[in-house]
C-alpha cells in the first residue's frame, strides 16, 4: 500500500521568548527584537502512514506529537525536511481551532467546511447530520463563545467525522462528553476505518491506541523512539514512564525551559511523608515540593511557583508565593523554597509538575521548567472520574450509606 502521509527528515523549531517588548514605541527605541531562545520540537522526524491504516502517536508532553499533526494539517510549516500528504484532510486538534467565537454553532459549521474546501451546498446537505451527531441542537444558533468547552469540542468532532475526508487527524478528544457521546465517537471512528480511510490519532489514552490503531509510534525528544504494533509500542512507553519515575533527572531532557537565568533552578524534587523523593502517590497523601536555586546576580522580590497539569493537558492546579502574599526580599546566593500540602487531593491519573521563578510582577521569567517531573496518583477503590478527590459521603433515606461487602 502506498503512503498517503510521509515525513522525511522533518524538523520544526519554535522561539521561546525570555522578554518581549510591551509596546511599539519600546521596539523602536531599543531597535531590536525581543530576546528569545530557539527550541527544536522535532528533529529529523521520519515515518509513513499507509492508505487505510490507523496510526497512533504517543509520547510524553512536549515531545512533538501535536506539532506533527499540525504539520500534516498544514497549520504549521516545517523548518526542514519534506512532508507529503495525499488526500483531503479533516482535523480535530486543539479546542476551538477554526471556530469564530462570535458566530453561532450553525455558522461555524459552514466556516469549518469552507476551511476544508467544501462547497456550501454539500455542507447544507450534511448540516442536520452534523447537528444531530453533536447533540447540541437547542444551542446551535447561540454564539460559540457561550458554549462550554465540551460542547465546542463535540461540535468540532461532529464536523470532522461527517465531511467525507480521506484522512482524519485526532488530537486528544476521545474523552469529550459523557459515556454515550464517547461511544458515538468510537463507533464513528470504527465506521471510518471500515470504509478504508486513514486515521492519525494522538492520545494519552493507551487503551484507545491499542483498540483503534494498526500501528503506533513513540515520539520523544523530537524523534521516533519506537515503532510497530500498538501493544509493543505502548509497552515501551510505559516502561519509559516507570524509568523516569525512578530516575526523575532523566525526565528533564525533553522538557521546555526558558528564562533569563538571573535566578536559576538547580533541582526540583517531590517528597513523600518520610521526606524522601517520591513520584507515585496515593490520593490524600501529604506532599512537599522542594525547589533549589542559585543566583548569578542579585535578585529581589522573586516569586516561586508550581503548577500541575494532567497528562492529557488539563490544567489542574497552580500556586505561588506572590499569591500567598509572601515577600521574599533579596535571594541568597543559593538556597531552597518548599511548597507543602497536607493532602494531595488529585484523582487517579498521570500528571506533570512545572516549577518557575519570576519577578514580582510576572513580567520577567528568571527560570521556568515546564512539565519537568512526571508523577502518578493512585486511588483506592473504584475510580468514578474527574480531577479532584472530594472524600464524599452518601446519605440514603436519612441514613449514612456504607459500601457493600465484597
Protein backbone atom coordinates (compact mmCIF):
# COMPACT_ATOMS: atom_id res chain seq x y z
CA UNK A 1 0.00 0.00 0.00
CA UNK A 2 1.17 3.50 -0.84
CA UNK A 3 1.94 6.00 1.87
CA UNK A 4 -0.66 8.79 1.99
CA UNK A 5 1.33 10.65 4.66
CA UNK A 6 5.13 10.82 4.50
CA UNK A 7 7.52 12.57 6.89
CA UNK A 8 11.07 12.67 5.54
CA UNK A 9 13.67 14.10 7.94
CA UNK A 10 11.22 16.76 9.18
CA UNK A 11 12.37 19.37 11.72
CA UNK A 12 10.41 22.15 13.41
CA UNK A 13 11.58 24.87 15.78
CA UNK A 14 9.83 27.49 17.91
CA UNK A 15 11.08 30.63 19.55
CA UNK A 16 10.71 30.78 23.33
CA UNK A 17 10.79 34.45 24.33
CA UNK A 18 12.52 35.48 27.55
CA UNK A 19 11.34 39.09 27.22
CA UNK A 20 9.02 40.80 24.78
CA UNK A 21 8.53 44.47 24.01
CA UNK A 22 5.45 45.83 25.74
CA UNK A 23 4.78 48.47 23.09
CA UNK A 24 5.63 49.51 19.54
CA UNK A 25 7.40 52.57 20.97
CA UNK A 26 9.71 50.34 23.05
CA UNK A 27 10.56 48.28 19.97
CA UNK A 28 11.58 51.41 18.06
CA UNK A 29 13.62 52.82 20.94
CA UNK A 30 15.55 49.62 21.56
CA UNK A 31 15.80 48.85 17.82
CA UNK A 32 15.98 45.14 18.40
CA UNK A 33 13.61 42.23 18.67
CA UNK A 34 12.60 40.51 21.89
CA UNK A 35 15.12 38.17 23.50
CA UNK A 36 14.41 34.53 22.71
CA UNK A 37 15.86 31.02 22.62
CA UNK A 38 15.24 28.63 19.74
CA UNK A 39 13.60 25.38 20.80
CA UNK A 40 13.59 22.43 18.38
CA UNK A 41 10.42 20.44 19.00
CA UNK A 42 11.09 17.98 16.11
CA UNK A 43 14.47 16.84 14.78
CA UNK A 44 14.74 14.78 11.57
CA UNK A 45 11.43 13.00 12.17
CA UNK A 46 10.64 10.31 9.58
CA UNK A 47 7.63 7.99 9.33
CA UNK A 48 4.99 6.89 6.82
CA UNK A 49 1.25 6.20 7.10
CA UNK A 50 -0.17 3.78 4.57
CA UNK A 51 -3.58 4.28 2.98
CA UNK A 52 -6.47 2.86 5.01
CA UNK A 53 -4.50 2.34 8.21
CA UNK A 54 -4.80 3.91 11.67
CA UNK A 55 -1.59 5.22 13.24
CA UNK A 56 -1.35 6.07 16.91
CA UNK A 57 1.25 8.62 18.06
CA UNK A 58 2.16 8.55 21.75
CA UNK A 59 4.82 10.11 23.93
CA UNK A 60 5.33 12.47 26.87
CA UNK A 61 4.08 16.05 26.82
CA UNK A 62 6.39 18.34 24.87
CA UNK A 63 7.65 15.53 22.63
CA UNK A 64 6.16 16.95 19.41
CA UNK A 65 3.07 14.77 18.87
CA UNK A 66 0.58 17.61 18.38
CA UNK A 67 3.11 19.57 16.33
CA UNK A 68 3.34 16.63 13.92
CA UNK A 69 -0.45 16.68 13.45
CA UNK A 70 -0.43 20.43 12.77
CA UNK A 71 2.27 19.91 10.17
CA UNK A 72 0.13 17.25 8.44
CA UNK A 73 -2.85 19.66 8.53
CA UNK A 74 -0.62 22.46 7.15
CA UNK A 75 -1.40 24.68 10.12
CA UNK A 76 2.37 24.81 10.67
CA UNK A 77 5.20 24.55 8.17
CA UNK A 78 8.48 22.66 8.77
CA UNK A 79 11.88 24.31 9.09
CA UNK A 80 13.49 21.35 7.37
CA UNK A 81 12.65 18.12 5.59
CA UNK A 82 9.70 17.14 3.41
CA UNK A 83 6.06 16.31 4.19
CA UNK A 84 3.79 14.57 1.68
CA UNK A 85 0.00 14.34 2.16
CA UNK A 86 -2.19 12.69 -0.49
CA UNK A 87 -5.91 13.30 0.15
CA UNK A 88 -8.38 15.64 1.81
CA UNK A 89 -7.58 16.15 5.49
CA UNK A 90 -10.11 16.69 8.28
CA UNK A 91 -8.51 17.65 11.57
CA UNK A 92 -9.80 17.91 15.12
CA UNK A 93 -6.90 19.43 17.00
CA UNK A 94 -6.99 21.97 19.82
CA UNK A 95 -10.25 23.21 21.29
CA UNK A 96 -11.74 25.99 19.17
CA UNK A 97 -9.43 25.55 16.18
CA UNK A 98 -11.26 27.06 13.19
CA UNK A 99 -14.16 28.42 15.28
CA UNK A 100 -15.13 32.11 15.43
CA UNK A 101 -16.40 32.82 18.96
CA UNK A 102 -18.97 35.40 17.84
CA UNK A 103 -20.53 33.14 15.17
CA UNK A 104 -23.27 30.70 16.04
CA UNK A 105 -22.70 26.96 16.01
CA UNK A 106 -24.56 26.74 12.70
CA UNK A 107 -22.43 29.49 11.13
CA UNK A 108 -19.25 27.83 12.38
CA UNK A 109 -20.23 24.59 10.64
CA UNK A 110 -20.22 26.47 7.34
CA UNK A 111 -16.99 28.26 8.27
CA UNK A 112 -15.23 24.99 9.11
CA UNK A 113 -16.50 23.43 5.91
CA UNK A 114 -15.12 26.33 3.89
CA UNK A 115 -11.74 25.92 5.57
CA UNK A 116 -11.82 22.27 4.49
CA UNK A 117 -12.52 23.32 0.90
CA UNK A 118 -16.12 22.06 0.84
CA UNK A 119 -18.90 23.62 -1.23
CA UNK A 120 -21.72 25.34 0.63
CA UNK A 121 -24.40 23.09 -0.88
CA UNK A 122 -22.52 19.98 0.34
CA UNK A 123 -22.35 21.41 3.88
CA UNK A 124 -26.06 22.21 3.72
CA UNK A 125 -26.79 18.57 2.86
CA UNK A 126 -24.81 17.38 5.90
CA UNK A 127 -25.95 20.14 8.28
CA UNK A 128 -28.67 18.26 10.16
CA UNK A 129 -26.49 15.15 10.38
CA UNK A 130 -23.69 17.18 11.98
CA UNK A 131 -26.04 18.93 14.43
CA UNK A 132 -27.65 15.63 15.42
CA UNK A 133 -24.27 13.96 15.96
CA UNK A 134 -23.05 16.81 18.20
CA UNK A 135 -26.20 16.59 20.33
CA UNK A 136 -26.39 20.36 20.93
CA UNK A 137 -29.45 21.23 18.80
CA UNK A 138 -31.06 23.58 21.41
CA UNK A 139 -27.91 25.74 21.35
CA UNK A 140 -26.91 25.54 17.68
CA UNK A 141 -27.99 29.15 16.97
CA UNK A 142 -26.18 30.59 20.00
CA UNK A 143 -22.67 32.11 19.68
CA UNK A 144 -19.91 29.55 20.22
CA UNK A 145 -18.39 31.79 22.92
CA UNK A 146 -21.40 30.83 25.09
CA UNK A 147 -20.65 27.09 24.73
CA UNK A 148 -18.90 25.04 27.34
CA UNK A 149 -15.56 23.55 26.29
CA UNK A 150 -17.22 20.14 25.94
CA UNK A 151 -19.98 21.48 23.68
CA UNK A 152 -17.47 23.22 21.40
CA UNK A 153 -15.35 20.08 21.14
CA UNK A 154 -18.41 17.93 20.41
CA UNK A 155 -19.36 20.26 17.57
CA UNK A 156 -15.81 20.15 16.22
CA UNK A 157 -15.75 16.36 16.30
CA UNK A 158 -19.15 16.15 14.59
CA UNK A 159 -17.88 18.31 11.72
CA UNK A 160 -14.60 16.40 11.41
CA UNK A 161 -16.21 12.98 11.01
CA UNK A 162 -19.10 13.98 8.76
CA UNK A 163 -17.42 15.77 5.82
CA UNK A 164 -16.16 12.82 3.71
CA UNK A 165 -12.44 13.43 4.20
CA UNK A 166 -9.77 10.90 3.21
CA UNK A 167 -7.59 11.46 6.29
CA UNK A 168 -8.81 12.12 9.84
CA UNK A 169 -6.44 13.70 12.39
CA UNK A 170 -7.50 13.41 16.05
CA UNK A 171 -5.66 15.04 18.95
CA UNK A 172 -6.78 14.12 22.49
CA UNK A 173 -10.55 14.42 22.04
CA UNK A 174 -11.90 10.91 22.64
CA UNK A 175 -12.68 11.73 26.28
CA UNK A 176 -15.02 14.60 25.38
CA UNK A 177 -18.56 14.48 26.73
CA UNK A 178 -20.40 11.73 28.57
CA UNK A 179 -20.12 7.99 28.07
CA UNK A 180 -22.86 7.96 25.42
CA UNK A 181 -21.11 10.57 23.28
CA UNK A 182 -17.74 8.86 23.74
CA UNK A 183 -19.27 5.61 22.46
CA UNK A 184 -20.72 7.50 19.49
CA UNK A 185 -17.21 8.80 18.71
CA UNK A 186 -15.75 5.29 18.91
CA UNK A 187 -18.47 3.92 16.63
CA UNK A 188 -17.85 6.66 14.08
CA UNK A 189 -14.10 6.03 14.06
CA UNK A 190 -14.76 2.31 13.58
CA UNK A 191 -17.01 3.12 10.61
CA UNK A 192 -14.33 5.44 9.23
CA UNK A 193 -11.82 2.60 9.42
CA UNK A 194 -14.24 0.14 7.81
CA UNK A 195 -14.54 2.50 4.83
CA UNK A 196 -10.79 2.18 4.28
CA UNK A 197 -9.88 5.73 5.28
CA UNK A 198 -6.75 6.83 7.09
CA UNK A 199 -6.60 7.91 10.74
CA UNK A 200 -3.79 9.51 12.75
CA UNK A 201 -4.57 9.56 16.48
CA UNK A 202 -2.58 11.38 19.15
CA UNK A 203 -3.64 10.35 22.64
CA UNK A 204 -2.50 9.63 26.18
CA UNK A 205 -5.30 7.06 26.30
CA UNK A 206 -3.19 3.97 25.57
CA UNK A 207 -6.26 1.73 25.57
CA UNK A 208 -7.72 3.77 22.69
CA UNK A 209 -4.45 3.46 20.77
CA UNK A 210 -4.39 -0.31 21.28
CA UNK A 211 -8.08 -0.61 20.33
CA UNK A 212 -8.22 1.52 17.18
CA UNK A 213 -4.72 1.61 15.70
CA UNK A 214 -2.96 -0.81 13.37
CA UNK A 215 0.46 0.70 14.13
CA UNK A 216 1.90 3.09 16.69
CA UNK A 217 4.99 5.24 17.03
CA UNK A 218 6.55 6.63 20.19
CA UNK A 219 7.91 10.17 19.78
CA UNK A 220 10.32 11.53 22.38
CA UNK A 221 12.81 14.39 22.21
CA UNK A 222 11.63 15.20 18.70
CA UNK A 223 12.28 11.81 17.07
CA UNK A 224 10.83 8.31 16.75
CA UNK A 225 11.96 6.13 19.66
CA UNK A 226 9.85 3.06 18.83
CA UNK A 227 7.53 1.93 16.01
CA UNK A 228 5.46 -1.18 15.43
CA UNK A 229 2.42 -2.98 16.86
CA UNK A 230 0.47 -0.83 19.37
CA UNK A 231 0.93 -3.38 22.19
CA UNK A 232 4.72 -3.29 21.82
CA UNK A 233 4.99 0.49 21.48
CA UNK A 234 2.66 1.28 24.40
CA UNK A 235 4.59 -1.25 26.49
CA UNK A 236 7.82 0.58 25.66
CA UNK A 237 6.23 3.91 26.61
CA UNK A 238 5.02 2.59 29.98
CA UNK A 239 8.50 1.21 30.67
CA UNK A 240 9.96 4.65 29.92
CA UNK A 241 7.46 6.29 32.29
CA UNK A 242 8.39 3.89 35.08
CA UNK A 243 12.10 4.56 34.49
CA UNK A 244 11.57 8.32 34.63
CA UNK A 245 9.64 7.98 37.88
CA UNK A 246 12.53 6.01 39.37
CA UNK A 247 15.14 8.39 37.85
CA UNK A 248 13.38 11.79 37.56
CA UNK A 249 16.55 13.59 36.48
CA UNK A 250 16.20 11.83 33.10
CA UNK A 251 12.76 13.38 32.53
CA UNK A 252 14.25 16.84 32.17
CA UNK A 253 15.82 16.19 28.78
CA UNK A 254 12.64 16.69 26.77
CA UNK A 255 11.10 19.42 28.93
CA UNK A 256 10.90 23.00 27.70
CA UNK A 257 12.86 25.52 29.74
CA UNK A 258 13.17 29.27 29.40
CA UNK A 259 14.15 32.38 31.35
CA UNK A 260 16.93 34.91 31.89
CA UNK A 261 18.64 32.60 34.44
CA UNK A 262 19.49 35.51 36.78
CA UNK A 263 17.98 33.20 39.38
CA UNK A 264 18.35 29.60 38.28
CA UNK A 265 16.54 26.45 39.41
CA UNK A 266 19.13 23.77 40.12
CA UNK A 267 16.83 20.98 41.29
CA UNK A 268 13.15 20.22 41.88
CA UNK A 269 12.01 17.25 43.95
CA UNK A 270 8.71 15.80 45.09
CA UNK A 271 8.91 14.33 48.60
CA UNK A 272 6.62 11.91 50.41
CA UNK A 273 5.74 11.73 54.09
CA UNK A 274 9.13 10.29 55.00
CA UNK A 275 10.97 13.19 53.35
CA UNK A 276 12.34 11.02 50.56
CA UNK A 277 11.83 11.60 46.81
CA UNK A 278 8.62 10.00 45.61
CA UNK A 279 6.86 10.00 42.24
CA UNK A 280 3.94 7.61 42.88
CA UNK A 281 1.35 8.95 45.37
CA UNK A 282 -1.97 7.75 46.73
CA UNK A 283 -4.87 10.19 46.73
CA UNK A 284 -4.79 12.12 50.01
CA UNK A 285 -1.09 11.67 50.70
CA UNK A 286 0.91 14.63 52.06
CA UNK A 287 3.18 16.30 49.51
CA UNK A 288 6.26 18.51 49.57
CA UNK A 289 7.94 20.10 46.56
CA UNK A 290 11.48 21.38 47.12
CA UNK A 291 12.81 23.96 44.63
CA UNK A 292 16.56 24.53 44.95
CA UNK A 293 18.05 27.64 43.33
CA UNK A 294 21.18 29.72 42.86
CA UNK A 295 21.61 33.34 41.79
CA UNK A 296 24.00 34.53 39.10
CA UNK A 297 23.42 38.16 40.16
CA UNK A 298 21.39 39.82 42.97
CA UNK A 299 17.65 39.24 42.63
CA UNK A 300 14.98 40.94 44.77
CA UNK A 301 11.28 40.21 45.25
CA UNK A 302 11.30 36.92 43.37
CA UNK A 303 8.17 34.79 43.17
CA UNK A 304 8.38 30.96 43.27
CA UNK A 305 5.54 28.98 41.72
CA UNK A 306 4.39 25.47 40.88
CA UNK A 307 1.75 24.11 38.50
CA UNK A 308 0.28 20.65 37.98
CA UNK A 309 -1.04 19.50 34.60
CA UNK A 310 -2.75 16.21 33.86
CA UNK A 311 -1.20 14.03 31.14
CA UNK A 312 -3.94 14.99 28.66
CA UNK A 313 -3.11 18.69 29.08
CA UNK A 314 -5.83 19.63 31.59
CA UNK A 315 -4.59 22.43 33.88
CA UNK A 316 -5.26 21.16 37.41
CA UNK A 317 -3.63 23.43 39.98
CA UNK A 318 -1.19 26.29 40.43
CA UNK A 319 0.20 28.20 43.40
CA UNK A 320 2.93 30.77 44.01
CA UNK A 321 4.46 32.74 46.86
CA UNK A 322 3.13 36.03 45.48
CA UNK A 323 -0.49 34.86 45.62
CA UNK A 324 0.08 33.92 49.27
CA UNK A 325 1.35 37.44 50.00
CA UNK A 326 4.87 36.23 50.79
CA UNK A 327 7.61 38.85 50.13
CA UNK A 328 10.99 37.19 49.84
CA UNK A 329 13.30 40.23 49.61
CA UNK A 330 16.75 39.59 48.19
CA UNK A 331 17.53 35.98 47.44
CA UNK A 332 20.60 34.34 48.90
CA UNK A 333 23.33 33.15 46.53
CA UNK A 334 21.80 29.69 46.83
CA UNK A 335 19.01 28.12 48.80
CA UNK A 336 15.67 26.35 48.57
CA UNK A 337 11.94 27.02 48.78
CA UNK A 338 9.49 24.35 49.94
CA UNK A 339 5.83 24.03 48.93
CA UNK A 340 3.76 21.84 51.29
CA UNK A 341 0.25 20.42 51.00
CA UNK A 342 -1.23 18.21 53.74
CA UNK A 343 -3.34 16.26 51.25
CA UNK A 344 -2.82 15.63 47.53
CA UNK A 345 -6.48 15.52 46.54
CA UNK A 346 -5.98 14.64 42.89
CA UNK A 347 -7.91 11.76 41.37
CA UNK A 348 -6.19 8.77 39.81
CA UNK A 349 -4.07 9.56 36.76
CA UNK A 350 -0.74 10.68 35.36
CA UNK A 351 0.43 14.26 35.93
CA UNK A 352 3.32 16.65 35.21
CA UNK A 353 4.83 19.23 37.56
CA UNK A 354 6.11 22.63 36.39
CA UNK A 355 8.20 24.97 38.57
CA UNK A 356 9.23 28.58 37.98
CA UNK A 357 10.90 31.71 39.37
CA UNK A 358 9.67 35.11 38.16
CA UNK A 359 9.84 38.74 39.26
CA UNK A 360 7.08 40.14 41.49
CA UNK A 361 5.02 41.50 38.57
CA UNK A 362 5.38 38.30 36.46
CA UNK A 363 6.90 40.38 33.64
CA UNK A 364 10.31 38.68 33.70
CA UNK A 365 10.80 34.92 33.95
CA UNK A 366 14.09 34.03 35.61
CA UNK A 367 13.72 30.28 35.12
CA UNK A 368 10.78 28.09 34.10
CA UNK A 369 10.85 24.31 33.97
CA UNK A 370 7.77 23.28 32.02
CA UNK A 371 6.23 19.90 32.99
CA UNK A 372 9.59 18.85 34.37
CA UNK A 373 8.56 15.91 36.54
CA UNK A 374 6.05 13.19 35.71
CA UNK A 375 4.23 11.57 38.62
CA UNK A 376 1.33 9.19 39.15
CA UNK A 377 -1.59 9.31 41.56
CA UNK A 378 -3.33 6.09 42.58
CA UNK A 379 -6.78 5.93 44.13
CA UNK A 380 -8.02 3.10 46.34
CA UNK A 381 -11.31 1.52 45.35
CA UNK A 382 -13.39 2.33 42.28
CA UNK A 383 -12.39 5.44 40.32
CA UNK A 384 -15.51 7.43 39.37
CA UNK A 385 -13.63 10.05 37.31
CA UNK A 386 -12.70 13.71 37.27
CA UNK A 387 -9.64 15.62 38.50
CA UNK A 388 -10.13 16.06 42.26
CA UNK A 389 -10.99 13.69 45.09
CA UNK A 390 -13.74 15.08 47.37
CA UNK A 391 -13.82 12.30 50.02
CA UNK A 392 -17.59 12.15 49.51
CA UNK A 393 -20.25 10.52 51.65
CA UNK A 394 -23.79 9.48 50.66
CA UNK A 395 -26.90 9.66 52.82
CA UNK A 396 -29.79 7.46 51.65
CA UNK A 397 -33.23 7.92 53.24
CA UNK A 398 -31.71 9.63 56.26
CA UNK A 399 -29.03 7.02 56.92
CA UNK A 400 -25.33 7.13 56.09
CA UNK A 401 -24.72 4.54 53.38
CA UNK A 402 -21.80 2.14 53.73
CA UNK A 403 -20.02 0.29 50.91
CA UNK A 404 -21.42 -3.14 50.24
CA UNK A 405 -19.32 -6.07 51.38
CA UNK A 406 -17.46 -7.75 48.52
